[in-house]
């Protein structure tokens, strides 16, 4: 922040991003109080639903009050009354001093409410047709109910969520932390899912939703949950053949599984397709059930006695 006052810092794009991020974190966790600090300067935050109050700057050398005393006071307040309801998507509102207020954007809020009022039957209709056109949306904290973490990868976390009455897998990338190419890759992944619309729900998950979340804090992709971990099962030769057929269906669209990069060299792509199919075959072979040869029937009347 350098020599800037907080209002001056807030007018910069970086300043707004910082406030938006901490506001989103507080809202997502339903927290009433928060602290923003650069070590040399400290700001104390209080959120009431969709409004955020920010204290005047408290420098490290402050004696009235001392920084530690201010922290102790806020900690006591947070312990006594920690929660505040989740907000909607927000936009900044100008102030005239060191305090700043963030309010729900009325249009965004009404849109979010309208989205929430869509019935589960609409969601089911979306799932029933693989050719349904899914459009980008802006989502707020109230759109998803987070249950658990399914996994973590290069772009971020995959979460188990409830979305409009159905459980989905939500891939989420925190744009404030992720490299710039992550957003491009996720947007490319969405386009690939759209190219594979005719095999969604048959060989690959269905694309349910995608767009920006929490006022642009994250980019998310929602998919149907299909099956469980392969390591938890044994498969038949018929299931193995079906898995290979699914991979071939992806390849027929000119897409290499789990790779969102463009590849113009058709000959090289064909080689990669063959290599990928071989790897999948070798992986599946490890989980195939091998029938045990029948060595004859044991009579039910035969009993075994344990002798000491």
Protein backbone atom coordinates (compact mmCIF):
# COMPACT_ATOMS: atom_id res chain seq x y z
CA UNK A 1 0.00 0.00 0.00
CA UNK A 2 3.00 2.27 0.52
CA UNK A 3 2.13 5.85 1.52
CA UNK A 4 -1.48 5.62 0.28
CA UNK A 5 -4.37 6.05 2.68
CA UNK A 6 -6.93 3.27 2.68
CA UNK A 7 -9.50 5.19 0.55
CA UNK A 8 -6.79 5.89 -2.04
CA UNK A 9 -5.72 2.25 -2.02
CA UNK A 10 -9.34 1.11 -2.38
CA UNK A 11 -9.71 3.12 -5.60
CA UNK A 12 -7.02 0.98 -7.27
CA UNK A 13 -7.99 -2.28 -8.97
CA UNK A 14 -5.75 -4.23 -6.58
CA UNK A 15 -7.37 -2.58 -3.57
CA UNK A 16 -10.86 -3.53 -4.71
CA UNK A 17 -9.72 -7.11 -5.38
CA UNK A 18 -8.29 -7.38 -1.86
CA UNK A 19 -11.49 -6.14 -0.21
CA UNK A 20 -13.67 -8.26 -2.49
CA UNK A 21 -11.64 -11.36 -1.62
CA UNK A 22 -11.79 -10.97 2.15
CA UNK A 23 -15.49 -10.03 1.93
CA UNK A 24 -16.15 -13.21 -0.07
CA UNK A 25 -14.25 -15.32 2.45
CA UNK A 26 -16.18 -13.81 5.34
CA UNK A 27 -19.48 -14.26 3.53
CA UNK A 28 -18.74 -17.81 2.46
CA UNK A 29 -17.96 -18.79 6.04
CA UNK A 30 -20.78 -16.66 7.48
CA UNK A 31 -18.32 -14.70 9.62
CA UNK A 32 -19.18 -11.36 11.17
CA UNK A 33 -15.64 -10.14 11.93
CA UNK A 34 -12.35 -10.13 10.06
CA UNK A 35 -8.92 -8.50 10.00
CA UNK A 36 -6.89 -7.18 7.08
CA UNK A 37 -3.24 -6.53 7.83
CA UNK A 38 0.08 -5.69 6.16
CA UNK A 39 1.82 -6.08 9.55
CA UNK A 40 2.65 -2.36 9.57
CA UNK A 41 -1.05 -1.40 9.26
CA UNK A 42 -4.25 -3.09 10.43
CA UNK A 43 -7.93 -2.78 9.50
CA UNK A 44 -10.79 -4.38 11.40
CA UNK A 45 -13.87 -5.53 9.51
CA UNK A 46 -17.47 -6.15 10.53
CA UNK A 47 -20.02 -7.66 8.15
CA UNK A 48 -23.79 -7.51 8.62
CA UNK A 49 -25.28 -9.73 5.91
CA UNK A 50 -24.54 -7.73 2.73
CA UNK A 51 -22.83 -4.70 4.29
CA UNK A 52 -19.18 -4.42 5.25
CA UNK A 53 -17.68 -1.83 7.62
CA UNK A 54 -13.93 -1.20 7.64
CA UNK A 55 -12.19 0.61 10.49
CA UNK A 56 -9.76 3.47 10.13
CA UNK A 57 -6.13 2.46 9.70
CA UNK A 58 -4.45 1.31 12.92
CA UNK A 59 -0.66 1.53 12.49
CA UNK A 60 1.66 -0.91 14.25
CA UNK A 61 3.10 1.81 16.50
CA UNK A 62 -0.33 2.95 17.71
CA UNK A 63 -0.61 3.46 21.48
CA UNK A 64 -4.25 4.48 21.69
CA UNK A 65 -5.35 1.81 21.29
CA UNK A 66 -2.41 -0.60 21.06
CA UNK A 67 -2.67 -3.13 18.23
CA UNK A 68 -2.74 -6.14 20.58
CA UNK A 69 -5.55 -4.59 22.60
CA UNK A 70 -7.56 -4.02 19.41
CA UNK A 71 -7.02 -7.67 18.40
CA UNK A 72 -8.12 -8.83 21.85
CA UNK A 73 -11.28 -6.73 21.67
CA UNK A 74 -12.24 -8.02 18.21
CA UNK A 75 -11.54 -11.60 19.27
CA UNK A 76 -13.93 -11.21 22.22
CA UNK A 77 -16.60 -9.73 19.94
CA UNK A 78 -16.17 -12.57 17.45
CA UNK A 79 -16.48 -15.15 20.22
CA UNK A 80 -19.71 -13.63 21.54
CA UNK A 81 -21.39 -13.09 18.17
CA UNK A 82 -19.46 -14.80 15.35
CA UNK A 83 -22.06 -15.41 12.64
CA UNK A 84 -23.70 -13.25 9.98
CA UNK A 85 -25.85 -14.65 7.11
CA UNK A 86 -24.35 -15.24 3.70
CA UNK A 87 -24.67 -12.30 1.27
CA UNK A 88 -25.40 -12.16 -2.44
CA UNK A 89 -23.00 -10.99 -5.16
CA UNK A 90 -21.73 -7.53 -4.29
CA UNK A 91 -20.48 -4.33 -5.89
CA UNK A 92 -18.55 -1.51 -4.19
CA UNK A 93 -20.28 1.70 -3.08
CA UNK A 94 -18.37 4.97 -2.72
CA UNK A 95 -17.82 6.45 0.75
CA UNK A 96 -16.47 9.73 2.05
CA UNK A 97 -13.96 8.61 4.68
CA UNK A 98 -11.88 5.67 5.84
CA UNK A 99 -14.98 3.48 6.09
CA UNK A 100 -16.34 1.62 3.09
CA UNK A 101 -19.63 -0.21 2.59
CA UNK A 102 -20.32 -3.09 0.21
CA UNK A 103 -23.94 -3.77 -0.63
CA UNK A 104 -25.78 -6.43 -2.59
CA UNK A 105 -26.31 -5.43 -6.19
CA UNK A 106 -30.12 -5.40 -6.49
CA UNK A 107 -30.10 -6.84 -10.00
CA UNK A 108 -27.67 -9.60 -9.12
CA UNK A 109 -29.64 -10.43 -6.00
CA UNK A 110 -32.93 -10.62 -7.86
CA UNK A 111 -31.37 -12.79 -10.56
CA UNK A 112 -29.93 -15.09 -7.92
CA UNK A 113 -33.32 -15.37 -6.22
CA UNK A 114 -34.95 -16.12 -9.55
CA UNK A 115 -32.40 -18.82 -10.25
CA UNK A 116 -33.02 -20.35 -6.84
CA UNK A 117 -36.76 -20.47 -7.47
CA UNK A 118 -36.33 -22.70 -10.51
CA UNK A 119 -37.80 -26.05 -9.65
CA UNK A 120 -35.87 -29.28 -9.43
CA UNK A 121 -37.95 -30.52 -12.38
CA UNK A 122 -36.24 -27.91 -14.56
CA UNK A 123 -32.89 -29.22 -13.34
CA UNK A 124 -34.03 -32.78 -14.11
CA UNK A 125 -35.06 -31.77 -17.61
CA UNK A 126 -31.63 -30.28 -18.09
CA UNK A 127 -30.08 -33.58 -17.05
CA UNK A 128 -32.38 -35.68 -19.23
CA UNK A 129 -31.10 -34.21 -22.48
CA UNK A 130 -27.39 -34.27 -23.32
CA UNK A 131 -27.91 -31.59 -25.97
CA UNK A 132 -29.25 -29.03 -23.47
CA UNK A 133 -27.42 -25.71 -23.94
CA UNK A 134 -25.83 -24.72 -20.63
CA UNK A 135 -24.95 -21.03 -20.47
CA UNK A 136 -22.44 -19.18 -18.32
CA UNK A 137 -23.88 -17.66 -15.14
CA UNK A 138 -22.76 -15.64 -12.13
CA UNK A 139 -23.28 -17.63 -8.93
CA UNK A 140 -23.45 -16.50 -5.33
CA UNK A 141 -22.87 -18.23 -1.99
CA UNK A 142 -26.53 -19.17 -1.76
CA UNK A 143 -26.47 -21.21 -4.98
CA UNK A 144 -24.37 -24.08 -3.60
CA UNK A 145 -24.44 -26.05 -0.37
CA UNK A 146 -20.98 -27.48 0.19
CA UNK A 147 -20.78 -30.98 1.65
CA UNK A 148 -17.19 -32.22 1.32
CA UNK A 149 -14.01 -32.19 -0.77
CA UNK A 150 -13.86 -34.89 -3.47
CA UNK A 151 -10.33 -34.14 -4.58
CA UNK A 152 -7.78 -31.55 -5.57
CA UNK A 153 -5.97 -31.02 -8.86
CA UNK A 154 -4.01 -28.59 -10.96
CA UNK A 155 -6.85 -26.05 -11.28
CA UNK A 156 -8.08 -26.27 -7.69
CA UNK A 157 -10.51 -28.30 -5.61
CA UNK A 158 -13.41 -30.50 -6.65
CA UNK A 159 -16.24 -30.25 -4.14
CA UNK A 160 -19.33 -32.29 -3.42
CA UNK A 161 -22.20 -29.78 -3.51
CA UNK A 162 -25.95 -29.56 -3.54
CA UNK A 163 -27.14 -27.43 -6.45
CA UNK A 164 -30.87 -26.79 -6.87
CA UNK A 165 -31.81 -29.97 -5.09
CA UNK A 166 -29.27 -32.30 -6.74
CA UNK A 167 -25.79 -33.40 -5.75
CA UNK A 168 -23.04 -32.41 -8.19
CA UNK A 169 -19.25 -32.34 -8.41
CA UNK A 170 -18.10 -28.70 -8.50
CA UNK A 171 -14.64 -27.90 -9.87
CA UNK A 172 -13.52 -24.59 -8.42
CA UNK A 173 -10.49 -22.41 -9.12
CA UNK A 174 -9.69 -19.51 -6.79
CA UNK A 175 -8.77 -16.83 -9.35
CA UNK A 176 -7.01 -14.69 -6.75
CA UNK A 177 -4.45 -17.45 -6.24
CA UNK A 178 -4.41 -19.47 -9.46
CA UNK A 179 -2.10 -18.60 -12.39
CA UNK A 180 -3.84 -16.80 -15.28
CA UNK A 181 -3.71 -19.87 -17.54
CA UNK A 182 -5.97 -21.84 -15.17
CA UNK A 183 -9.01 -19.75 -16.11
CA UNK A 184 -8.24 -20.23 -19.82
CA UNK A 185 -7.93 -23.99 -19.32
CA UNK A 186 -11.23 -24.22 -17.43
CA UNK A 187 -13.02 -22.21 -20.11
CA UNK A 188 -11.50 -24.51 -22.73
CA UNK A 189 -12.73 -27.51 -20.73
CA UNK A 190 -16.27 -26.11 -20.86
CA UNK A 191 -16.04 -25.78 -24.65
CA UNK A 192 -14.85 -29.39 -24.89
CA UNK A 193 -17.81 -30.57 -22.81
CA UNK A 194 -20.10 -28.72 -25.22
CA UNK A 195 -18.39 -30.41 -28.18
CA UNK A 196 -19.06 -33.75 -26.47
CA UNK A 197 -22.75 -32.96 -25.83
CA UNK A 198 -23.95 -36.13 -27.61
CA UNK A 199 -22.04 -38.44 -25.26
CA UNK A 200 -22.67 -36.55 -22.01
CA UNK A 201 -24.44 -38.78 -19.53
CA UNK A 202 -23.44 -41.88 -21.51
CA UNK A 203 -19.66 -41.95 -21.45
CA UNK A 204 -18.80 -38.73 -19.61
CA UNK A 205 -20.51 -36.62 -16.88
CA UNK A 206 -23.10 -34.05 -17.89
CA UNK A 207 -22.23 -30.37 -17.77
CA UNK A 208 -24.69 -28.81 -15.30
CA UNK A 209 -23.41 -25.28 -14.75
CA UNK A 210 -20.38 -23.05 -15.11
CA UNK A 211 -19.40 -19.44 -14.52
CA UNK A 212 -18.02 -17.00 -11.98
CA UNK A 213 -18.68 -17.50 -8.28
CA UNK A 214 -18.64 -15.08 -5.35
CA UNK A 215 -18.41 -11.85 -7.30
CA UNK A 216 -15.61 -13.18 -9.52
CA UNK A 217 -13.57 -14.73 -6.73
CA UNK A 218 -13.67 -18.16 -8.41
CA UNK A 219 -14.56 -19.87 -11.66
CA UNK A 220 -16.60 -23.05 -11.27
CA UNK A 221 -17.73 -25.99 -13.40
CA UNK A 222 -20.55 -28.22 -12.15
CA UNK A 223 -20.83 -31.83 -13.36
CA UNK A 224 -23.02 -34.79 -12.56
CA UNK A 225 -21.54 -37.37 -10.21
CA UNK A 226 -21.08 -40.71 -11.97
CA UNK A 227 -19.86 -43.89 -10.31
CA UNK A 228 -17.20 -44.32 -7.67
CA UNK A 229 -13.44 -44.82 -7.59
CA UNK A 230 -12.23 -47.67 -9.80
CA UNK A 231 -9.92 -48.79 -6.99
CA UNK A 232 -13.02 -49.74 -4.97
CA UNK A 233 -14.20 -52.31 -7.53
CA UNK A 234 -13.46 -55.28 -9.69
CA UNK A 235 -14.79 -55.18 -13.26
CA UNK A 236 -15.88 -57.70 -15.89
CA UNK A 237 -14.50 -57.96 -19.41
CA UNK A 238 -17.76 -56.46 -20.66
CA UNK A 239 -17.30 -53.41 -18.45
CA UNK A 240 -13.72 -53.12 -19.67
CA UNK A 241 -14.92 -53.11 -23.29
CA UNK A 242 -17.50 -50.43 -22.48
CA UNK A 243 -14.83 -48.21 -20.92
CA UNK A 244 -12.64 -48.55 -24.02
CA UNK A 245 -15.67 -47.75 -26.19
CA UNK A 246 -16.23 -44.58 -24.16
CA UNK A 247 -12.66 -43.45 -24.75
CA UNK A 248 -13.05 -44.16 -28.48
CA UNK A 249 -16.18 -41.99 -28.52
CA UNK A 250 -14.14 -39.10 -27.08
CA UNK A 251 -11.39 -39.69 -29.64
CA UNK A 252 -13.90 -39.61 -32.52
CA UNK A 253 -14.53 -35.97 -31.61
CA UNK A 254 -10.81 -35.29 -32.01
CA UNK A 255 -10.30 -34.82 -28.29
CA UNK A 256 -7.63 -36.38 -26.13
CA UNK A 257 -8.96 -37.34 -22.69
CA UNK A 258 -7.76 -35.20 -19.78
CA UNK A 259 -5.84 -32.82 -22.06
CA UNK A 260 -7.27 -29.39 -22.85
CA UNK A 261 -4.38 -28.30 -25.12
CA UNK A 262 -4.96 -27.82 -28.87
CA UNK A 263 -3.10 -30.26 -31.09
CA UNK A 264 -3.08 -29.47 -34.82
CA UNK A 265 -0.85 -32.37 -35.92
CA UNK A 266 -3.37 -35.10 -36.87
CA UNK A 267 -0.69 -37.80 -37.17
CA UNK A 268 0.70 -36.97 -33.73
CA UNK A 269 -2.81 -36.86 -32.30
CA UNK A 270 -3.57 -40.34 -33.69
CA UNK A 271 -0.43 -41.65 -32.02
CA UNK A 272 -1.45 -40.06 -28.71
CA UNK A 273 -4.92 -41.62 -29.04
CA UNK A 274 -3.37 -45.07 -29.49
CA UNK A 275 -1.04 -44.55 -26.54
CA UNK A 276 -3.90 -43.40 -24.33
CA UNK A 277 -6.07 -46.38 -25.28
CA UNK A 278 -3.21 -48.74 -24.48
CA UNK A 279 -2.68 -47.12 -21.07
CA UNK A 280 -6.38 -47.38 -20.25
CA UNK A 281 -6.44 -51.05 -21.32
CA UNK A 282 -3.47 -51.83 -19.08
CA UNK A 283 -5.08 -49.96 -16.17
CA UNK A 284 -8.41 -51.78 -16.54
CA UNK A 285 -6.69 -55.17 -16.80
CA UNK A 286 -5.57 -54.75 -13.19
CA UNK A 287 -9.19 -54.65 -12.02
CA UNK A 288 -10.72 -57.45 -14.10
CA UNK A 289 -12.35 -60.34 -12.27
CA UNK A 290 -10.62 -63.60 -13.17
CA UNK A 291 -13.08 -66.50 -12.72
CA UNK A 292 -11.86 -69.41 -10.63
CA UNK A 293 -12.05 -72.79 -12.38
CA UNK A 294 -14.76 -75.06 -10.91
CA UNK A 295 -12.95 -77.91 -9.11
CA UNK A 296 -16.07 -79.89 -8.41
CA UNK A 297 -19.04 -79.62 -6.10
CA UNK A 298 -18.80 -80.10 -2.36
CA UNK A 299 -21.72 -81.97 -0.85
CA UNK A 300 -23.78 -79.88 1.57
CA UNK A 301 -24.14 -82.90 3.82
CA UNK A 302 -20.40 -83.13 4.39
CA UNK A 303 -19.40 -81.58 7.68
CA UNK A 304 -16.02 -80.61 8.98
CA UNK A 305 -15.12 -81.29 12.61
CA UNK A 306 -12.35 -79.47 14.47
CA UNK A 307 -10.20 -81.86 16.53
CA UNK A 308 -8.02 -80.58 19.34
